[in-house]
Amino acid sequence: MNAILRFFNRSLGLTRIAIESGVGLLILSSLYVVFTYLDAFERLTTFLNYHESYQ
């Protein structure tokens, strides 16, 4: 009985670690996407502003 509980606790801890690292990866990837999108948007607006002022 004790060994079963110990095994259950260990598997729960591993599952929790996997879930937390997965959530961290998800947050990091979404932040990366947001920042790259903002950077591209900023470049596009500066390019359009430059293009309009050039004409």
PDB file of N, CA and C in Angstrom:
ATOM      1  N   MET A   1       0.838  -1.202   0.000  1.00  0.00           N
ATOM      2  CA  MET A   1       0.000   0.000   0.000  1.00  0.00           C
ATOM      3  C   MET A   1       0.873   1.251   0.000  1.00  0.00           C
ATOM      4  N   ASN A   2       1.888   1.265   0.816  1.00  0.00           N
ATOM      5  CA  ASN A   2       2.761   2.431   0.896  1.00  0.00           C
ATOM      6  C   ASN A   2       3.507   2.643  -0.414  1.00  0.00           C
ATOM      7  N   ALA A   3       3.957   1.556  -1.030  1.00  0.00           N
ATOM      8  CA  ALA A   3       4.683   1.671  -2.296  1.00  0.00           C
ATOM      9  C   ALA A   3       3.760   2.212  -3.391  1.00  0.00           C
ATOM     10  N   ILE A   4       2.498   1.790  -3.363  1.00  0.00           N
ATOM     11  CA  ILE A   4       1.536   2.267  -4.364  1.00  0.00           C
ATOM     12  C   ILE A   4       1.328   3.777  -4.207  1.00  0.00           C
ATOM     13  N   LEU A   5       1.183   4.209  -2.953  1.00  0.00           N
ATOM     14  CA  LEU A   5       0.989   5.644  -2.692  1.00  0.00           C
ATOM     15  C   LEU A   5       2.214   6.445  -3.123  1.00  0.00           C
ATOM     16  N   ARG A   6       3.408   5.893  -2.843  1.00  0.00           N
ATOM     17  CA  ARG A   6       4.627   6.584  -3.221  1.00  0.00           C
ATOM     18  C   ARG A   6       4.719   6.719  -4.742  1.00  0.00           C
ATOM     19  N   PHE A   7       4.383   5.635  -5.439  1.00  0.00           N
ATOM     20  CA  PHE A   7       4.411   5.662  -6.899  1.00  0.00           C
ATOM     21  C   PHE A   7       3.396   6.679  -7.440  1.00  0.00           C
ATOM     22  N   PHE A   8       2.215   6.710  -6.797  1.00  0.00           N
ATOM     23  CA  PHE A   8       1.175   7.643  -7.226  1.00  0.00           C
ATOM     24  C   PHE A   8       1.625   9.088  -7.025  1.00  0.00           C
ATOM     25  N   ASN A   9       2.251   9.353  -5.884  1.00  0.00           N
ATOM     26  CA  ASN A   9       2.752  10.699  -5.615  1.00  0.00           C
ATOM     27  C   ASN A   9       3.825  11.095  -6.623  1.00  0.00           C
ATOM     28  N   ARG A  10       4.717  10.147  -6.944  1.00  0.00           N
ATOM     29  CA  ARG A  10       5.785  10.460  -7.891  1.00  0.00           C
ATOM     30  C   ARG A  10       5.215  10.752  -9.273  1.00  0.00           C
ATOM     31  N   SER A  11       4.256   9.941  -9.715  1.00  0.00           N
ATOM     32  CA  SER A  11       3.672  10.171 -11.039  1.00  0.00           C
ATOM     33  C   SER A  11       2.884  11.483 -11.057  1.00  0.00           C
ATOM     34  N   LEU A  12       2.232  11.817  -9.941  1.00  0.00           N
ATOM     35  CA  LEU A  12       1.523  13.101  -9.870  1.00  0.00           C
ATOM     36  C   LEU A  12       2.516  14.253  -9.973  1.00  0.00           C
ATOM     37  N   GLY A  13       3.645  14.153  -9.292  1.00  0.00           N
ATOM     38  CA  GLY A  13       4.656  15.204  -9.354  1.00  0.00           C
ATOM     39  C   GLY A  13       5.200  15.362 -10.757  1.00  0.00           C
ATOM     40  N   LEU A  14       5.451  14.245 -11.444  1.00  0.00           N
ATOM     41  CA  LEU A  14       5.952  14.317 -12.813  1.00  0.00           C
ATOM     42  C   LEU A  14       4.914  14.939 -13.740  1.00  0.00           C
ATOM     43  N   THR A  15       3.639  14.568 -13.511  1.00  0.00           N
ATOM     44  CA  THR A  15       2.576  15.146 -14.341  1.00  0.00           C
ATOM     45  C   THR A  15       2.489  16.644 -14.116  1.00  0.00           C
ATOM     46  N   ARG A  16       2.633  17.064 -12.856  1.00  0.00           N
ATOM     47  CA  ARG A  16       2.546  18.484 -12.540  1.00  0.00           C
ATOM     48  C   ARG A  16       3.702  19.246 -13.184  1.00  0.00           C
ATOM     49  N   ILE A  17       4.896  18.648 -13.124  1.00  0.00           N
ATOM     50  CA  ILE A  17       6.062  19.284 -13.745  1.00  0.00           C
ATOM     51  C   ILE A  17       5.859  19.396 -15.259  1.00  0.00           C
ATOM     52  N   ALA A  18       5.334  18.328 -15.861  1.00  0.00           N
ATOM     53  CA  ALA A  18       5.111  18.357 -17.311  1.00  0.00           C
ATOM     54  C   ALA A  18       4.078  19.414 -17.673  1.00  0.00           C
ATOM     55  N   ILE A  19       3.019  19.500 -16.881  1.00  0.00           N
ATOM     56  CA  ILE A  19       1.979  20.490 -17.161  1.00  0.00           C
ATOM     57  C   ILE A  19       2.533  21.902 -17.008  1.00  0.00           C
ATOM     58  N   GLU A  20       3.301  22.134 -15.934  1.00  0.00           N
ATOM     59  CA  GLU A  20       3.844  23.466 -15.710  1.00  0.00           C
ATOM     60  C   GLU A  20       4.833  23.865 -16.802  1.00  0.00           C
ATOM     61  N   SER A  21       5.678  22.930 -17.208  1.00  0.00           N
ATOM     62  CA  SER A  21       6.638  23.261 -18.264  1.00  0.00           C
ATOM     63  C   SER A  21       5.910  23.467 -19.589  1.00  0.00           C
ATOM     64  N   GLY A  22       4.851  22.694 -19.821  1.00  0.00           N
ATOM     65  CA  GLY A  22       4.065  22.884 -21.037  1.00  0.00           C
ATOM     66  C   GLY A  22       3.402  24.249 -21.059  1.00  0.00           C
ATOM     67  N   VAL A  23       2.860  24.656 -19.910  1.00  0.00           N
ATOM     68  CA  VAL A  23       2.234  25.978 -19.824  1.00  0.00           C
ATOM     69  C   VAL A  23       3.281  27.069 -20.023  1.00  0.00           C
ATOM     70  N   GLY A  24       4.465  26.874 -19.441  1.00  0.00           N
ATOM     71  CA  GLY A  24       5.535  27.850 -19.625  1.00  0.00           C
ATOM     72  C   GLY A  24       5.947  27.967 -21.081  1.00  0.00           C
ATOM     73  N   LEU A  25       6.050  26.818 -21.759  1.00  0.00           N
ATOM     74  CA  LEU A  25       6.400  26.841 -23.179  1.00  0.00           C
ATOM     75  C   LEU A  25       5.318  27.533 -23.994  1.00  0.00           C
ATOM     76  N   LEU A  26       4.068  27.268 -23.632  1.00  0.00           N
ATOM     77  CA  LEU A  26       2.956  27.885 -24.339  1.00  0.00           C
ATOM     78  C   LEU A  26       2.988  29.397 -24.175  1.00  0.00           C
ATOM     79  N   ILE A  27       3.231  29.857 -22.950  1.00  0.00           N
ATOM     80  CA  ILE A  27       3.294  31.297 -22.686  1.00  0.00           C
ATOM     81  C   ILE A  27       4.466  31.925 -23.442  1.00  0.00           C
ATOM     82  N   LEU A  28       5.619  31.244 -23.414  1.00  0.00           N
ATOM     83  CA  LEU A  28       6.794  31.782 -24.104  1.00  0.00           C
ATOM     84  C   LEU A  28       6.566  31.871 -25.610  1.00  0.00           C
ATOM     85  N   SER A  29       5.966  30.832 -26.175  1.00  0.00           N
ATOM     86  CA  SER A  29       5.748  30.840 -27.622  1.00  0.00           C
ATOM     87  C   SER A  29       4.726  31.902 -28.009  1.00  0.00           C
ATOM     88  N   SER A  30       3.686  32.077 -27.189  1.00  0.00           N
ATOM     89  CA  SER A  30       2.692  33.098 -27.519  1.00  0.00           C
ATOM     90  C   SER A  30       3.303  34.494 -27.396  1.00  0.00           C
ATOM     91  N   LEU A  31       4.161  34.703 -26.374  1.00  0.00           N
ATOM     92  CA  LEU A  31       4.843  35.994 -26.246  1.00  0.00           C
ATOM     93  C   LEU A  31       5.743  36.244 -27.445  1.00  0.00           C
ATOM     94  N   TYR A  32       6.436  35.195 -27.885  1.00  0.00           N
ATOM     95  CA  TYR A  32       7.318  35.329 -29.049  1.00  0.00           C
ATOM     96  C   TYR A  32       6.524  35.726 -30.294  1.00  0.00           C
ATOM     97  N   VAL A  33       5.370  35.060 -30.470  1.00  0.00           N
ATOM     98  CA  VAL A  33       4.526  35.371 -31.631  1.00  0.00           C
ATOM     99  C   VAL A  33       4.025  36.806 -31.550  1.00  0.00           C
ATOM    100  N   VAL A  34       3.591  37.217 -30.352  1.00  0.00           N
ATOM    101  CA  VAL A  34       3.078  38.583 -30.184  1.00  0.00           C
ATOM    102  C   VAL A  34       4.169  39.608 -30.485  1.00  0.00           C
ATOM    103  N   PHE A  35       5.373  39.371 -29.955  1.00  0.00           N
ATOM    104  CA  PHE A  35       6.444  40.340 -30.155  1.00  0.00           C
ATOM    105  C   PHE A  35       6.896  40.398 -31.607  1.00  0.00           C
ATOM    106  N   THR A  36       6.964  39.260 -32.287  1.00  0.00           N
ATOM    107  CA  THR A  36       7.358  39.280 -33.688  1.00  0.00           C
ATOM    108  C   THR A  36       6.273  39.950 -34.528  1.00  0.00           C
ATOM    109  N   TYR A  37       4.999  39.712 -34.174  1.00  0.00           N
ATOM    110  CA  TYR A  37       3.904  40.336 -34.908  1.00  0.00           C
ATOM    111  C   TYR A  37       3.938  41.851 -34.718  1.00  0.00           C
ATOM    112  N   LEU A  38       4.180  42.293 -33.473  1.00  0.00           N
ATOM    113  CA  LEU A  38       4.261  43.731 -33.211  1.00  0.00           C
ATOM    114  C   LEU A  38       5.436  44.348 -33.954  1.00  0.00           C
ATOM    115  N   ASP A  39       6.561  43.633 -33.992  1.00  0.00           N
ATOM    116  CA  ASP A  39       7.738  44.147 -34.691  1.00  0.00           C
ATOM    117  C   ASP A  39       7.447  44.289 -36.184  1.00  0.00           C
ATOM    118  N   ALA A  40       6.809  43.280 -36.768  1.00  0.00           N
ATOM    119  CA  ALA A  40       6.472  43.349 -38.185  1.00  0.00           C
ATOM    120  C   ALA A  40       5.467  44.467 -38.446  1.00  0.00           C
ATOM    121  N   PHE A  41       4.504  44.622 -37.544  1.00  0.00           N
ATOM    122  CA  PHE A  41       3.504  45.681 -37.696  1.00  0.00           C
ATOM    123  C   PHE A  41       4.163  47.056 -37.625  1.00  0.00           C
ATOM    124  N   GLU A  42       5.109  47.216 -36.688  1.00  0.00           N
ATOM    125  CA  GLU A  42       5.814  48.485 -36.546  1.00  0.00           C
ATOM    126  C   GLU A  42       6.642  48.791 -37.796  1.00  0.00           C
ATOM    127  N   ARG A  43       7.305  47.774 -38.326  1.00  0.00           N
ATOM    128  CA  ARG A  43       8.083  47.971 -39.544  1.00  0.00           C
ATOM    129  C   ARG A  43       7.189  48.359 -40.711  1.00  0.00           C
ATOM    130  N   LEU A  44       6.022  47.707 -40.785  1.00  0.00           N
ATOM    131  CA  LEU A  44       5.099  47.997 -41.878  1.00  0.00           C
ATOM    132  C   LEU A  44       4.598  49.429 -41.782  1.00  0.00           C
ATOM    133  N   THR A  45       4.235  49.881 -40.586  1.00  0.00           N
ATOM    134  CA  THR A  45       3.721  51.249 -40.432  1.00  0.00           C
ATOM    135  C   THR A  45       4.813  52.267 -40.731  1.00  0.00           C
ATOM    136  N   THR A  46       6.039  52.003 -40.278  1.00  0.00           N
ATOM    137  CA  THR A  46       7.124  52.957 -40.573  1.00  0.00           C
ATOM    138  C   THR A  46       7.412  52.982 -42.072  1.00  0.00           C
ATOM    139  N   PHE A  47       7.324  51.818 -42.707  1.00  0.00           N
ATOM    140  CA  PHE A  47       7.542  51.769 -44.152  1.00  0.00           C
ATOM    141  C   PHE A  47       6.457  52.551 -44.885  1.00  0.00           C
ATOM    142  N   LEU A  48       5.196  52.383 -44.445  1.00  0.00           N
ATOM    143  CA  LEU A  48       4.094  53.105 -45.081  1.00  0.00           C
ATOM    144  C   LEU A  48       4.216  54.605 -44.843  1.00  0.00           C
ATOM    145  N   ASN A  49       4.596  55.000 -43.651  1.00  0.00           N
ATOM    146  CA  ASN A  49       4.771  56.421 -43.364  1.00  0.00           C
ATOM    147  C   ASN A  49       5.888  57.008 -44.219  1.00  0.00           C
ATOM    148  N   TYR A  50       6.974  56.268 -44.337  1.00  0.00           N
ATOM    149  CA  TYR A  50       8.098  56.719 -45.157  1.00  0.00           C
ATOM    150  C   TYR A  50       7.674  56.818 -46.619  1.00  0.00           C
ATOM    151  N   HIS A  51       6.885  55.836 -47.057  1.00  0.00           N
ATOM    152  CA  HIS A  51       6.434  55.822 -48.444  1.00  0.00           C
ATOM    153  C   HIS A  51       5.522  57.013 -48.713  1.00  0.00           C
ATOM    154  N   GLU A  52       4.634  57.329 -47.784  1.00  0.00           N
ATOM    155  CA  GLU A  52       3.719  58.459 -47.970  1.00  0.00           C
ATOM    156  C   GLU A  52       4.472  59.784 -47.939  1.00  0.00           C
ATOM    157  N   SER A  53       5.447  59.901 -47.040  1.00  0.00           N
ATOM    158  CA  SER A  53       6.191  61.169 -46.958  1.00  0.00           C
ATOM    159  C   SER A  53       7.129  61.325 -48.154  1.00  0.00           C
ATOM    160  N   TYR A  54       7.497  60.214 -48.780  1.00  0.00           N
ATOM    161  CA  TYR A  54       8.404  60.281 -49.921  1.00  0.00           C
ATOM    162  C   TYR A  54       7.695  60.799 -51.161  1.00  0.00           C
ATOM    163  N   GLN A  55       6.404  60.477 -51.281  1.00  0.00           N
ATOM    164  CA  GLN A  55       5.660  60.868 -52.477  1.00  0.00           C
ATOM    165  C   GLN A  55       5.332  62.350 -52.511  1.00  0.00           C
TER     166      GLN A  55
END
